[in-house]
Amino acid sequence: MTDSIPSSNMIDSSNPLFLHPSDHPGMLLVSKPFDGLGFGAWKRAMAISLSAKNKLVFVNGEFASPTDSSQVPLWNRFNDMVISWILNTLSPEISGSVLYVASARQLWLELND
């Protein structure tokens, strides 16, 4: 994707930086938390949910942090939202072990390992 991120008041719903008014950090995107069992099914459910919200690009590496420093805070906001959605779907033990990962992409890779 491009390094250019539009300002938040110009973002349309097809942009990965769009948040629906009902989106919030406490959302549960999948019904069963990942507790160490059934990783493949959990990963698929998360990928479907993130794709439906147009946020899968944050975890698959297609939408990396911009190089333009003025755009970094906006990107960070959405990256943090995706991180919170993923953390909400993990058991407390697993969540605690990946809590300090800096990006949704890194979190996704850690969980895959």
C-alpha atoms as a PDB file:
ATOM      1  CA  MET A   1       0.000   0.000   0.000  1.00  0.00           C
ATOM      2  CA  THR A   2       0.982   3.609  -0.265  1.00  0.00           C
ATOM      3  CA  ASP A   3       2.743   5.612   2.439  1.00  0.00           C
ATOM      4  CA  SER A   4       0.236   8.417   1.999  1.00  0.00           C
ATOM      5  CA  ILE A   5      -2.580   8.354   4.518  1.00  0.00           C
ATOM      6  CA  PRO A   6      -5.461  10.807   4.145  1.00  0.00           C
ATOM      7  CA  SER A   7      -6.521  12.945   7.056  1.00  0.00           C
ATOM      8  CA  SER A   8      -9.086  11.272   9.301  1.00  0.00           C
ATOM      9  CA  ASN A   9     -11.957  13.496   8.133  1.00  0.00           C
ATOM     10  CA  MET A  10     -11.442  12.387   4.501  1.00  0.00           C
ATOM     11  CA  ILE A  11     -11.439   8.609   5.026  1.00  0.00           C
ATOM     12  CA  ASP A  12     -14.123   6.601   3.253  1.00  0.00           C
ATOM     13  CA  SER A  13     -15.380   3.171   4.276  1.00  0.00           C
ATOM     14  CA  SER A  14     -13.163   1.335   1.761  1.00  0.00           C
ATOM     15  CA  ASN A  15      -9.985   2.633   3.438  1.00  0.00           C
ATOM     16  CA  PRO A  16      -8.306   0.448   6.102  1.00  0.00           C
ATOM     17  CA  LEU A  17      -8.152   3.586   8.267  1.00  0.00           C
ATOM     18  CA  PHE A  18     -11.914   3.862   8.454  1.00  0.00           C
ATOM     19  CA  LEU A  19     -13.625   3.027  11.732  1.00  0.00           C
ATOM     20  CA  HIS A  20     -17.343   2.501  11.934  1.00  0.00           C
ATOM     21  CA  PRO A  21     -18.938   4.413  14.822  1.00  0.00           C
ATOM     22  CA  SER A  22     -19.697   1.090  16.526  1.00  0.00           C
ATOM     23  CA  ASP A  23     -16.036  -0.043  16.431  1.00  0.00           C
ATOM     24  CA  HIS A  24     -14.301   0.140  19.805  1.00  0.00           C
ATOM     25  CA  PRO A  25     -11.284  -1.457  21.538  1.00  0.00           C
ATOM     26  CA  GLY A  26     -13.428  -3.824  23.614  1.00  0.00           C
ATOM     27  CA  MET A  27     -15.083  -5.529  20.633  1.00  0.00           C
ATOM     28  CA  LEU A  28     -15.000  -9.301  20.423  1.00  0.00           C
ATOM     29  CA  LEU A  29     -14.489 -10.340  16.816  1.00  0.00           C
ATOM     30  CA  VAL A  30     -14.779 -14.084  17.427  1.00  0.00           C
ATOM     31  CA  SER A  31     -16.948 -15.895  19.934  1.00  0.00           C
ATOM     32  CA  LYS A  32     -14.454 -18.410  21.339  1.00  0.00           C
ATOM     33  CA  PRO A  33     -11.191 -17.090  22.790  1.00  0.00           C
ATOM     34  CA  PHE A  34      -7.989 -18.780  21.730  1.00  0.00           C
ATOM     35  CA  ASP A  35      -6.699 -20.780  24.703  1.00  0.00           C
ATOM     36  CA  GLY A  36      -3.908 -22.739  23.032  1.00  0.00           C
ATOM     37  CA  LEU A  37      -6.174 -25.279  21.346  1.00  0.00           C
ATOM     38  CA  GLY A  38      -7.638 -25.069  17.842  1.00  0.00           C
ATOM     39  CA  PHE A  39      -5.295 -22.395  16.533  1.00  0.00           C
ATOM     40  CA  GLY A  40      -6.169 -23.008  12.873  1.00  0.00           C
ATOM     41  CA  ALA A  41      -9.884 -22.447  13.424  1.00  0.00           C
ATOM     42  CA  TRP A  42      -9.266 -19.385  15.620  1.00  0.00           C
ATOM     43  CA  LYS A  43      -6.861 -17.894  13.062  1.00  0.00           C
ATOM     44  CA  ARG A  44      -9.345 -18.436  10.234  1.00  0.00           C
ATOM     45  CA  ALA A  45     -12.181 -16.859  12.229  1.00  0.00           C
ATOM     46  CA  MET A  46      -9.990 -13.861  13.094  1.00  0.00           C
ATOM     47  CA  ALA A  47      -8.861 -13.458   9.477  1.00  0.00           C
ATOM     48  CA  ILE A  48     -12.484 -13.472   8.308  1.00  0.00           C
ATOM     49  CA  SER A  49     -13.478 -10.907  10.944  1.00  0.00           C
ATOM     50  CA  LEU A  50     -10.522  -8.627  10.248  1.00  0.00           C
ATOM     51  CA  SER A  51     -11.135  -8.894   6.510  1.00  0.00           C
ATOM     52  CA  ALA A  52     -14.804  -7.983   6.978  1.00  0.00           C
ATOM     53  CA  LYS A  53     -13.660  -4.857   8.831  1.00  0.00           C
ATOM     54  CA  ASN A  54     -11.029  -4.151   6.139  1.00  0.00           C
ATOM     55  CA  LYS A  55      -8.258  -4.475   8.738  1.00  0.00           C
ATOM     56  CA  LEU A  56      -6.592  -7.736   7.646  1.00  0.00           C
ATOM     57  CA  VAL A  57      -3.921  -5.614   5.933  1.00  0.00           C
ATOM     58  CA  PHE A  58      -2.598  -4.637   9.379  1.00  0.00           C
ATOM     59  CA  VAL A  59      -1.738  -8.238  10.253  1.00  0.00           C
ATOM     60  CA  ASN A  60      -0.680  -9.585   6.870  1.00  0.00           C
ATOM     61  CA  GLY A  61       1.952  -6.904   6.295  1.00  0.00           C
ATOM     62  CA  GLU A  62       0.262  -5.094   3.413  1.00  0.00           C
ATOM     63  CA  PHE A  63      -0.180  -1.868   5.387  1.00  0.00           C
ATOM     64  CA  ALA A  64       3.022  -1.086   7.238  1.00  0.00           C
ATOM     65  CA  SER A  65       3.665   2.026   9.287  1.00  0.00           C
ATOM     66  CA  PRO A  66       4.063   5.057   7.008  1.00  0.00           C
ATOM     67  CA  THR A  67       7.401   6.741   6.485  1.00  0.00           C
ATOM     68  CA  ASP A  68       5.814  10.208   6.686  1.00  0.00           C
ATOM     69  CA  SER A  69       6.108  11.052  10.388  1.00  0.00           C
ATOM     70  CA  SER A  70       3.010  13.255  10.277  1.00  0.00           C
ATOM     71  CA  GLN A  71       0.914  10.196   9.370  1.00  0.00           C
ATOM     72  CA  VAL A  72       2.321   7.863  12.038  1.00  0.00           C
ATOM     73  CA  PRO A  73      -0.110   8.865  14.848  1.00  0.00           C
ATOM     74  CA  LEU A  74      -3.150   8.045  12.692  1.00  0.00           C
ATOM     75  CA  TRP A  75      -1.667   4.703  11.621  1.00  0.00           C
ATOM     76  CA  ASN A  76      -0.792   3.941  15.264  1.00  0.00           C
ATOM     77  CA  ARG A  77      -4.398   4.550  16.291  1.00  0.00           C
ATOM     78  CA  PHE A  78      -5.679   1.897  13.916  1.00  0.00           C
ATOM     79  CA  ASN A  79      -2.823  -0.501  14.620  1.00  0.00           C
ATOM     80  CA  ASP A  80      -3.673  -0.236  18.328  1.00  0.00           C
ATOM     81  CA  MET A  81      -7.340  -0.900  17.592  1.00  0.00           C
ATOM     82  CA  VAL A  82      -6.459  -4.101  15.721  1.00  0.00           C
ATOM     83  CA  ILE A  83      -4.105  -5.149  18.532  1.00  0.00           C
ATOM     84  CA  SER A  84      -6.897  -4.648  21.074  1.00  0.00           C
ATOM     85  CA  TRP A  85      -9.321  -6.713  18.981  1.00  0.00           C
ATOM     86  CA  ILE A  86      -6.817  -9.566  18.796  1.00  0.00           C
ATOM     87  CA  LEU A  87      -5.937  -9.384  22.492  1.00  0.00           C
ATOM     88  CA  ASN A  88      -9.659  -9.538  23.347  1.00  0.00           C
ATOM     89  CA  THR A  89      -9.869 -12.934  21.658  1.00  0.00           C
ATOM     90  CA  LEU A  90      -6.995 -14.527  23.582  1.00  0.00           C
ATOM     91  CA  SER A  91      -7.053 -16.319  26.907  1.00  0.00           C
ATOM     92  CA  PRO A  92      -5.531 -14.249  29.754  1.00  0.00           C
ATOM     93  CA  GLU A  93      -2.397 -16.409  29.767  1.00  0.00           C
ATOM     94  CA  ILE A  94      -1.734 -16.010  26.051  1.00  0.00           C
ATOM     95  CA  SER A  95      -2.722 -12.341  26.052  1.00  0.00           C
ATOM     96  CA  GLY A  96      -0.260 -11.639  28.862  1.00  0.00           C
ATOM     97  CA  SER A  97       2.568 -13.254  26.912  1.00  0.00           C
ATOM     98  CA  VAL A  98       2.119 -11.003  23.848  1.00  0.00           C
ATOM     99  CA  LEU A  99       0.808  -7.821  25.466  1.00  0.00           C
ATOM    100  CA  TYR A 100       3.897  -5.745  24.735  1.00  0.00           C
ATOM    101  CA  VAL A 101       4.232  -6.521  21.031  1.00  0.00           C
ATOM    102  CA  ALA A 102       4.420  -3.207  19.142  1.00  0.00           C
ATOM    103  CA  SER A 103       2.364  -3.886  16.026  1.00  0.00           C
ATOM    104  CA  ALA A 104      -0.594  -5.964  14.925  1.00  0.00           C
ATOM    105  CA  ARG A 105       1.682  -7.596  12.341  1.00  0.00           C
ATOM    106  CA  GLN A 106       4.227  -8.599  14.997  1.00  0.00           C
ATOM    107  CA  LEU A 107       1.435  -9.877  17.247  1.00  0.00           C
ATOM    108  CA  TRP A 108       0.031 -11.986  14.415  1.00  0.00           C
ATOM    109  CA  LEU A 109       3.477 -13.440  13.681  1.00  0.00           C
ATOM    110  CA  GLU A 110       4.101 -14.204  17.379  1.00  0.00           C
ATOM    111  CA  LEU A 111       0.800 -16.052  17.615  1.00  0.00           C
ATOM    112  CA  ASN A 112       1.634 -18.026  14.469  1.00  0.00           C
ATOM    113  CA  ASP A 113       4.926 -19.159  16.024  1.00  0.00           C
END
